[in-house]
Amino acid sequence: MALRCRDIPELAGLESIRLRAGHCGGDNEVRWPYLAENRSFRPWVKGGELVFVTGIGRQRNPDNLAECLYEGKGCGISGLVVLTGDAYIGQLPRVLNQLADELALPLFEQPYSLPMVEVTEIISRAVVSSERIDSRPRGDSLAESLVSLAGSREVEATIRRCLPGVDNLLPESADILGAWLAHRGNQCAMAEALGCHRNTIRNRMHRLAGELPGDRDVAETFKDLILAHLLTQQSGPADVYKET
């Protein structure tokens, strides 16, 4: 699976990088990291790069940073990362967040304390690793393999034990679970596919997590529901919700 912009803060060692705006472009594929040293980076990119601007060697004021977003959108970069700290770019201008949202171009903030050499190495390794995975011959899915290994009844029993009350919840929420899988969790794309507002998607996710017993984290519960949905699809939707 290709490395996406939304995956960057989840890479080990890059937790301090924050996606500040342009979330609707979170599925943009990261082809390679690029450190922009000149005022314009248009001649040096081919599209799909995650571009970093530091302010080192070239002053970056709000107007110039806005130009970077416009130029990046025109060049087809995957996203823009602005390094902030006391030395050069003090903080991320609010107007930049608004512009990134309008352009649907992911805008990240990275602290200067995080060494660029480590950042580019981590991202480059992740890109290479994702390319290796994508090049492997396709076989059975993980869900199919698990069901085959454990047996459909055992899988269903495990789902009921870990997620009590899920029997009715899964069929009722199949549309949003399927949309999450189809659009890799991009709530803007999910809302468009289901013909509703992004806030509706968020509210439904919270409501689904709240309908299961216990004090559960919304994000983790939704991941469990996604996995349960996948496993039950492989074990046979018609039989999943029957009592054993």
C-alpha atoms as a PDB file:
ATOM      1  CA  MET A   1       0.000   0.000   0.000  1.00  0.00           C
ATOM      2  CA  ALA A   2       1.362   3.416  -0.993  1.00  0.00           C
ATOM      3  CA  LEU A   3       2.511   5.874   1.674  1.00  0.00           C
ATOM      4  CA  ARG A   4      -0.123   8.606   2.095  1.00  0.00           C
ATOM      5  CA  CYS A   5       0.142  12.067   3.612  1.00  0.00           C
ATOM      6  CA  ARG A   6      -2.101  11.094   6.512  1.00  0.00           C
ATOM      7  CA  ASP A   7       0.370   8.303   7.367  1.00  0.00           C
ATOM      8  CA  ILE A   8       3.305  10.662   8.004  1.00  0.00           C
ATOM      9  CA  PRO A   9       2.591  11.553  11.682  1.00  0.00           C
ATOM     10  CA  GLU A  10       2.025   7.850  12.409  1.00  0.00           C
ATOM     11  CA  LEU A  11       5.523   6.812  11.309  1.00  0.00           C
ATOM     12  CA  ALA A  12       7.754   5.908  14.251  1.00  0.00           C
ATOM     13  CA  GLY A  13       9.937   8.915  15.025  1.00  0.00           C
ATOM     14  CA  LEU A  14       7.690  11.456  13.292  1.00  0.00           C
ATOM     15  CA  GLU A  15       4.990  11.762  15.948  1.00  0.00           C
ATOM     16  CA  SER A  16       5.846  15.447  16.525  1.00  0.00           C
ATOM     17  CA  ILE A  17       4.889  16.324  12.939  1.00  0.00           C
ATOM     18  CA  ARG A  18       1.293  17.576  12.887  1.00  0.00           C
ATOM     19  CA  LEU A  19      -1.163  17.724  10.009  1.00  0.00           C
ATOM     20  CA  ARG A  20      -2.579  21.208  10.537  1.00  0.00           C
ATOM     21  CA  ALA A  21      -4.811  21.720   7.500  1.00  0.00           C
ATOM     22  CA  GLY A  22      -5.760  20.367   4.089  1.00  0.00           C
ATOM     23  CA  HIS A  23      -7.089  17.145   5.589  1.00  0.00           C
ATOM     24  CA  CYS A  24      -9.167  16.363   2.504  1.00  0.00           C
ATOM     25  CA  GLY A  25      -5.906  15.735   0.661  1.00  0.00           C
ATOM     26  CA  GLY A  26      -4.774  13.222   3.265  1.00  0.00           C
ATOM     27  CA  ASP A  27      -4.884  10.380   0.746  1.00  0.00           C
ATOM     28  CA  ASN A  28      -2.315  12.070  -1.508  1.00  0.00           C
ATOM     29  CA  GLU A  29       0.467   9.593  -2.249  1.00  0.00           C
ATOM     30  CA  VAL A  30       3.951  10.544  -1.056  1.00  0.00           C
ATOM     31  CA  ARG A  31       6.419   9.667  -3.801  1.00  0.00           C
ATOM     32  CA  TRP A  32       9.523  11.158  -2.122  1.00  0.00           C
ATOM     33  CA  PRO A  33      10.579  13.888   0.359  1.00  0.00           C
ATOM     34  CA  TYR A  34      12.082  17.079  -1.067  1.00  0.00           C
ATOM     35  CA  LEU A  35      13.774  19.920   0.847  1.00  0.00           C
ATOM     36  CA  ALA A  36      13.071  23.248  -0.892  1.00  0.00           C
ATOM     37  CA  GLU A  37      15.999  25.654  -0.593  1.00  0.00           C
ATOM     38  CA  ASN A  38      15.105  28.112  -3.388  1.00  0.00           C
ATOM     39  CA  ARG A  39      12.203  30.558  -3.426  1.00  0.00           C
ATOM     40  CA  SER A  40      10.558  28.493  -6.159  1.00  0.00           C
ATOM     41  CA  PHE A  41      10.719  24.710  -6.237  1.00  0.00           C
ATOM     42  CA  ARG A  42       8.707  24.259  -9.443  1.00  0.00           C
ATOM     43  CA  PRO A  43      11.750  23.349 -11.620  1.00  0.00           C
ATOM     44  CA  TRP A  44      12.887  20.671  -9.181  1.00  0.00           C
ATOM     45  CA  VAL A  45       9.774  18.586  -8.541  1.00  0.00           C
ATOM     46  CA  LYS A  46       7.923  16.062 -10.690  1.00  0.00           C
ATOM     47  CA  GLY A  47       4.756  15.598  -8.644  1.00  0.00           C
ATOM     48  CA  GLY A  48       4.008  13.548  -5.554  1.00  0.00           C
ATOM     49  CA  GLU A  49       6.809  15.013  -3.464  1.00  0.00           C
ATOM     50  CA  LEU A  50       6.339  15.951   0.187  1.00  0.00           C
ATOM     51  CA  VAL A  51       8.032  19.362   0.162  1.00  0.00           C
ATOM     52  CA  PHE A  52       9.779  20.756   3.247  1.00  0.00           C
ATOM     53  CA  VAL A  53      10.463  24.480   3.743  1.00  0.00           C
ATOM     54  CA  THR A  54      12.722  25.612   6.578  1.00  0.00           C
ATOM     55  CA  GLY A  55      13.428  29.324   6.199  1.00  0.00           C
ATOM     56  CA  ILE A  56      17.123  28.541   6.474  1.00  0.00           C
ATOM     57  CA  GLY A  57      19.062  30.558   3.905  1.00  0.00           C
ATOM     58  CA  ARG A  58      15.878  32.207   2.574  1.00  0.00           C
ATOM     59  CA  GLN A  59      13.356  34.239   4.528  1.00  0.00           C
ATOM     60  CA  ARG A  60       9.847  32.777   4.483  1.00  0.00           C
ATOM     61  CA  ASN A  61       7.117  35.282   5.351  1.00  0.00           C
ATOM     62  CA  PRO A  62       3.374  34.495   5.255  1.00  0.00           C
ATOM     63  CA  ASP A  63       3.049  35.709   1.654  1.00  0.00           C
ATOM     64  CA  ASN A  64       5.909  33.516   0.489  1.00  0.00           C
ATOM     65  CA  LEU A  65       4.534  30.496   2.340  1.00  0.00           C
ATOM     66  CA  ALA A  66       1.188  31.078   0.638  1.00  0.00           C
ATOM     67  CA  GLU A  67       3.033  31.132  -2.693  1.00  0.00           C
ATOM     68  CA  CYS A  68       4.520  27.751  -1.759  1.00  0.00           C
ATOM     69  CA  LEU A  69       1.021  26.325  -1.306  1.00  0.00           C
ATOM     70  CA  TYR A  70      -0.221  27.733  -4.622  1.00  0.00           C
ATOM     71  CA  GLU A  71       2.910  26.547  -6.413  1.00  0.00           C
ATOM     72  CA  GLY A  72       2.729  23.135  -4.750  1.00  0.00           C
ATOM     73  CA  LYS A  73      -0.880  22.691  -5.813  1.00  0.00           C
ATOM     74  CA  GLY A  74       0.042  23.614  -9.362  1.00  0.00           C
ATOM     75  CA  CYS A  75       3.003  21.225  -9.384  1.00  0.00           C
ATOM     76  CA  GLY A  76       1.028  18.320  -7.984  1.00  0.00           C
ATOM     77  CA  ILE A  77       3.081  17.847  -4.816  1.00  0.00           C
ATOM     78  CA  SER A  78       1.548  15.598  -2.180  1.00  0.00           C
ATOM     79  CA  GLY A  79       1.856  18.081   0.694  1.00  0.00           C
ATOM     80  CA  LEU A  80       3.844  20.899   2.287  1.00  0.00           C
ATOM     81  CA  VAL A  81       5.761  20.709   5.573  1.00  0.00           C
ATOM     82  CA  VAL A  82       6.749  23.964   7.302  1.00  0.00           C
ATOM     83  CA  LEU A  83       9.421  23.825  10.005  1.00  0.00           C
ATOM     84  CA  THR A  84       8.662  26.175  12.897  1.00  0.00           C
ATOM     85  CA  GLY A  85      10.656  27.337  15.881  1.00  0.00           C
ATOM     86  CA  ASP A  86      12.443  30.345  17.348  1.00  0.00           C
ATOM     87  CA  ALA A  87      15.249  30.444  14.790  1.00  0.00           C
ATOM     88  CA  TYR A  88      13.512  31.073  11.442  1.00  0.00           C
ATOM     89  CA  ILE A  89       9.767  30.585  10.948  1.00  0.00           C
ATOM     90  CA  GLY A  90       8.321  31.354  14.358  1.00  0.00           C
ATOM     91  CA  GLN A  91       4.850  29.894  13.907  1.00  0.00           C
ATOM     92  CA  LEU A  92       2.440  28.735  11.245  1.00  0.00           C
ATOM     93  CA  PRO A  93       0.262  31.668  10.071  1.00  0.00           C
ATOM     94  CA  ARG A  94      -3.475  31.013  10.518  1.00  0.00           C
ATOM     95  CA  VAL A  95      -4.192  32.276   7.014  1.00  0.00           C
ATOM     96  CA  LEU A  96      -1.989  29.464   5.708  1.00  0.00           C
ATOM     97  CA  ASN A  97      -4.265  26.861   7.310  1.00  0.00           C
ATOM     98  CA  GLN A  98      -7.297  28.387   5.634  1.00  0.00           C
ATOM     99  CA  LEU A  99      -5.572  28.409   2.254  1.00  0.00           C
ATOM    100  CA  ALA A 100      -4.464  24.773   2.623  1.00  0.00           C
ATOM    101  CA  ASP A 101      -8.064  23.788   3.371  1.00  0.00           C
ATOM    102  CA  GLU A 102      -9.283  25.668   0.298  1.00  0.00           C
ATOM    103  CA  LEU A 103      -6.681  23.980  -1.902  1.00  0.00           C
ATOM    104  CA  ALA A 104      -7.161  20.568  -0.231  1.00  0.00           C
ATOM    105  CA  LEU A 105      -3.372  20.383   0.044  1.00  0.00           C
ATOM    106  CA  PRO A 106      -2.045  18.807   3.271  1.00  0.00           C
ATOM    107  CA  LEU A 107      -0.119  21.294   5.386  1.00  0.00           C
ATOM    108  CA  PHE A 108       2.134  19.938   8.115  1.00  0.00           C
ATOM    109  CA  GLU A 109       4.027  21.628  10.929  1.00  0.00           C
ATOM    110  CA  GLN A 110       7.359  20.206  12.029  1.00  0.00           C
ATOM    111  CA  PRO A 111       9.475  21.457  14.963  1.00  0.00           C
ATOM    112  CA  TYR A 112      13.041  22.515  14.170  1.00  0.00           C
ATOM    113  CA  SER A 113      14.183  20.254  16.995  1.00  0.00           C
ATOM    114  CA  LEU A 114      13.408  17.238  14.815  1.00  0.00           C
ATOM    115  CA  PRO A 115      16.511  16.676  12.626  1.00  0.00           C
ATOM    116  CA  MET A 116      15.755  16.762   8.905  1.00  0.00           C
ATOM    117  CA  VAL A 117      18.220  13.966   8.216  1.00  0.00           C
ATOM    118  CA  GLU A 118      16.123  11.642  10.400  1.00  0.00           C
ATOM    119  CA  VAL A 119      12.856  12.797   8.857  1.00  0.00           C
ATOM    120  CA  THR A 120      13.937  12.260   5.255  1.00  0.00           C
ATOM    121  CA  GLU A 121      15.471   8.889   6.119  1.00  0.00           C
ATOM    122  CA  ILE A 122      12.299   7.644   7.835  1.00  0.00           C
ATOM    123  CA  ILE A 123      10.049   8.804   4.999  1.00  0.00           C
ATOM    124  CA  SER A 124      12.339   7.445   2.289  1.00  0.00           C
ATOM    125  CA  ARG A 125      12.451   4.048   3.963  1.00  0.00           C
ATOM    126  CA  ALA A 126       8.662   4.037   4.295  1.00  0.00           C
ATOM    127  CA  VAL A 127       8.263   4.867   0.595  1.00  0.00           C
ATOM    128  CA  VAL A 128      10.653   2.104  -0.452  1.00  0.00           C
ATOM    129  CA  SER A 129       8.969  -0.361   1.911  1.00  0.00           C
ATOM    130  CA  SER A 130       5.514   0.461   0.542  1.00  0.00           C
ATOM    131  CA  GLU A 131       6.755  -0.020  -3.022  1.00  0.00           C
ATOM    132  CA  ARG A 132       8.136  -3.444  -2.114  1.00  0.00           C
ATOM    133  CA  ILE A 133       4.823  -4.460  -0.568  1.00  0.00           C
ATOM    134  CA  ASP A 134       2.878  -3.262  -3.617  1.00  0.00           C
ATOM    135  CA  SER A 135       5.167  -5.249  -5.921  1.00  0.00           C
ATOM    136  CA  ARG A 136       4.534  -8.562  -4.152  1.00  0.00           C
ATOM    137  CA  PRO A 137       2.228 -11.081  -5.874  1.00  0.00           C
ATOM    138  CA  ARG A 138      -1.334 -10.741  -4.638  1.00  0.00           C
ATOM    139  CA  GLY A 139      -2.697 -13.700  -2.735  1.00  0.00           C
ATOM    140  CA  ASP A 140      -5.510 -14.197  -0.277  1.00  0.00           C
ATOM    141  CA  SER A 141      -6.339 -11.232   1.922  1.00  0.00           C
ATOM    142  CA  LEU A 142      -5.478 -11.248   5.619  1.00  0.00           C
ATOM    143  CA  ALA A 143      -9.167 -11.508   6.483  1.00  0.00           C
ATOM    144  CA  GLU A 144      -9.591 -14.513   4.198  1.00  0.00           C
ATOM    145  CA  SER A 145      -6.490 -16.148   5.650  1.00  0.00           C
ATOM    146  CA  LEU A 146      -7.649 -15.641   9.248  1.00  0.00           C
ATOM    147  CA  VAL A 147     -11.093 -17.041   8.547  1.00  0.00           C
ATOM    148  CA  SER A 148      -9.590 -19.997   6.721  1.00  0.00           C
ATOM    149  CA  LEU A 149      -7.171 -20.645   9.568  1.00  0.00           C
ATOM    150  CA  ALA A 150      -9.592 -20.320  12.469  1.00  0.00           C
ATOM    151  CA  GLY A 151     -12.875 -21.265  10.824  1.00  0.00           C
ATOM    152  CA  SER A 152     -15.876 -18.996  10.357  1.00  0.00           C
ATOM    153  CA  ARG A 153     -17.652 -20.077  13.576  1.00  0.00           C
ATOM    154  CA  GLU A 154     -14.563 -19.430  15.688  1.00  0.00           C
ATOM    155  CA  VAL A 155     -14.111 -16.014  14.072  1.00  0.00           C
ATOM    156  CA  GLU A 156     -17.752 -15.091  14.710  1.00  0.00           C
ATOM    157  CA  ALA A 157     -17.514 -16.252  18.346  1.00  0.00           C
ATOM    158  CA  THR A 158     -14.373 -14.164  18.860  1.00  0.00           C
ATOM    159  CA  ILE A 159     -16.030 -11.079  17.386  1.00  0.00           C
ATOM    160  CA  ARG A 160     -19.047 -11.483  19.694  1.00  0.00           C
ATOM    161  CA  ARG A 161     -16.789 -11.995  22.718  1.00  0.00           C
ATOM    162  CA  CYS A 162     -14.626  -8.927  22.016  1.00  0.00           C
ATOM    163  CA  LEU A 163     -17.452  -6.707  20.753  1.00  0.00           C
ATOM    164  CA  PRO A 164     -20.611  -7.678  22.669  1.00  0.00           C
ATOM    165  CA  GLY A 165     -23.734  -6.309  21.040  1.00  0.00           C
ATOM    166  CA  VAL A 166     -22.126  -6.069  17.619  1.00  0.00           C
ATOM    167  CA  ASP A 167     -24.525  -8.502  15.852  1.00  0.00           C
ATOM    168  CA  ASN A 168     -27.105  -5.861  14.942  1.00  0.00           C
ATOM    169  CA  LEU A 169     -24.594  -3.037  14.701  1.00  0.00           C
ATOM    170  CA  LEU A 170     -22.571  -4.469  11.810  1.00  0.00           C
ATOM    171  CA  PRO A 171     -25.370  -4.851   9.253  1.00  0.00           C
ATOM    172  CA  GLU A 172     -26.850  -1.480  10.207  1.00  0.00           C
ATOM    173  CA  SER A 173     -23.498   0.280   9.706  1.00  0.00           C
ATOM    174  CA  ALA A 174     -22.267  -1.629   6.652  1.00  0.00           C
ATOM    175  CA  ASP A 175     -22.515   1.495   4.489  1.00  0.00           C
ATOM    176  CA  ILE A 176     -20.207   3.666   6.572  1.00  0.00           C
ATOM    177  CA  LEU A 177     -17.790   0.792   7.268  1.00  0.00           C
ATOM    178  CA  GLY A 178     -17.612   0.007   3.568  1.00  0.00           C
ATOM    179  CA  ALA A 179     -17.106   3.690   2.745  1.00  0.00           C
ATOM    180  CA  TRP A 180     -14.277   3.902   5.293  1.00  0.00           C
ATOM    181  CA  LEU A 181     -12.525   0.993   3.592  1.00  0.00           C
ATOM    182  CA  ALA A 182     -13.141   2.283   0.078  1.00  0.00           C
ATOM    183  CA  HIS A 183     -11.782   5.742   0.871  1.00  0.00           C
ATOM    184  CA  ARG A 184      -9.102   4.792   3.426  1.00  0.00           C
ATOM    185  CA  GLY A 185     -10.745   6.718   6.236  1.00  0.00           C
ATOM    186  CA  ASN A 186     -10.912  10.033   4.325  1.00  0.00           C
ATOM    187  CA  GLN A 187     -14.012  11.574   5.872  1.00  0.00           C
ATOM    188  CA  CYS A 188     -14.462  14.133   3.080  1.00  0.00           C
ATOM    189  CA  ALA A 189     -14.505  11.386   0.443  1.00  0.00           C
ATOM    190  CA  MET A 190     -16.759   9.221   2.624  1.00  0.00           C
ATOM    191  CA  ALA A 191     -19.250  12.061   2.993  1.00  0.00           C
ATOM    192  CA  GLU A 192     -19.306  12.628  -0.765  1.00  0.00           C
ATOM    193  CA  ALA A 193     -19.801   8.916  -1.454  1.00  0.00           C
ATOM    194  CA  LEU A 194     -22.658   8.639   1.055  1.00  0.00           C
ATOM    195  CA  GLY A 195     -24.258  11.949   0.075  1.00  0.00           C
ATOM    196  CA  CYS A 196     -23.935  13.634   3.450  1.00  0.00           C
ATOM    197  CA  HIS A 197     -21.857  16.224   5.331  1.00  0.00           C
ATOM    198  CA  ARG A 198     -18.462  15.419   6.803  1.00  0.00           C
ATOM    199  CA  ASN A 199     -19.835  16.194  10.274  1.00  0.00           C
ATOM    200  CA  THR A 200     -22.468  13.503   9.740  1.00  0.00           C
ATOM    201  CA  ILE A 201     -19.710  10.962   9.140  1.00  0.00           C
ATOM    202  CA  ARG A 202     -17.900  12.025  12.293  1.00  0.00           C
ATOM    203  CA  ASN A 203     -21.103  11.919  14.355  1.00  0.00           C
ATOM    204  CA  ARG A 204     -22.005   8.452  13.088  1.00  0.00           C
ATOM    205  CA  MET A 205     -18.553   7.150  13.976  1.00  0.00           C
ATOM    206  CA  HIS A 206     -18.917   8.506  17.506  1.00  0.00           C
ATOM    207  CA  ARG A 207     -22.428   7.086  17.805  1.00  0.00           C
ATOM    208  CA  LEU A 208     -21.321   3.635  16.645  1.00  0.00           C
ATOM    209  CA  ALA A 209     -18.569   3.553  19.261  1.00  0.00           C
ATOM    210  CA  GLY A 210     -21.050   4.683  21.921  1.00  0.00           C
ATOM    211  CA  GLU A 211     -23.511   1.903  21.135  1.00  0.00           C
ATOM    212  CA  LEU A 212     -21.079  -0.777  22.278  1.00  0.00           C
ATOM    213  CA  PRO A 213     -20.876  -1.411  26.036  1.00  0.00           C
ATOM    214  CA  GLY A 214     -17.963  -0.092  28.053  1.00  0.00           C
ATOM    215  CA  ASP A 215     -15.891   3.088  27.993  1.00  0.00           C
ATOM    216  CA  ARG A 216     -14.269   2.817  24.575  1.00  0.00           C
ATOM    217  CA  ASP A 217     -11.979   5.062  22.572  1.00  0.00           C
ATOM    218  CA  VAL A 218     -13.823   6.109  19.396  1.00  0.00           C
ATOM    219  CA  ALA A 219     -10.913   5.620  16.991  1.00  0.00           C
ATOM    220  CA  GLU A 220      -9.913   2.231  18.385  1.00  0.00           C
ATOM    221  CA  THR A 221     -13.506   1.004  18.514  1.00  0.00           C
ATOM    222  CA  PHE A 222     -14.079   2.000  14.903  1.00  0.00           C
ATOM    223  CA  LYS A 223     -10.947   0.095  13.881  1.00  0.00           C
ATOM    224  CA  ASP A 224     -12.330  -2.965  15.669  1.00  0.00           C
ATOM    225  CA  LEU A 225     -15.614  -2.558  13.802  1.00  0.00           C
ATOM    226  CA  ILE A 226     -13.770  -2.279  10.488  1.00  0.00           C
ATOM    227  CA  LEU A 227     -11.878  -5.504  11.203  1.00  0.00           C
ATOM    228  CA  ALA A 228     -15.081  -7.240  12.305  1.00  0.00           C
ATOM    229  CA  HIS A 229     -16.792  -6.073   9.118  1.00  0.00           C
ATOM    230  CA  LEU A 230     -13.964  -7.468   6.967  1.00  0.00           C
ATOM    231  CA  LEU A 231     -13.869 -10.782   8.781  1.00  0.00           C
ATOM    232  CA  THR A 232     -17.629 -11.288   8.666  1.00  0.00           C
ATOM    233  CA  GLN A 233     -17.694 -10.492   4.956  1.00  0.00           C
ATOM    234  CA  GLN A 234     -15.162 -13.252   4.367  1.00  0.00           C
ATOM    235  CA  SER A 235     -16.949 -15.763   6.584  1.00  0.00           C
ATOM    236  CA  GLY A 236     -20.266 -15.231   4.816  1.00  0.00           C
ATOM    237  CA  PRO A 237     -22.552 -12.271   5.557  1.00  0.00           C
ATOM    238  CA  ALA A 238     -25.684 -14.404   5.466  1.00  0.00           C
ATOM    239  CA  ASP A 239     -24.577 -16.560   8.382  1.00  0.00           C
ATOM    240  CA  VAL A 240     -22.683 -14.104  10.522  1.00  0.00           C
ATOM    241  CA  TYR A 241     -25.565 -12.733  12.521  1.00  0.00           C
ATOM    242  CA  LYS A 242     -27.275 -16.047  13.290  1.00  0.00           C
ATOM    243  CA  GLU A 243     -27.005 -17.267  16.841  1.00  0.00           C
ATOM    244  CA  THR A 244     -24.922 -20.411  17.230  1.00  0.00           C
END
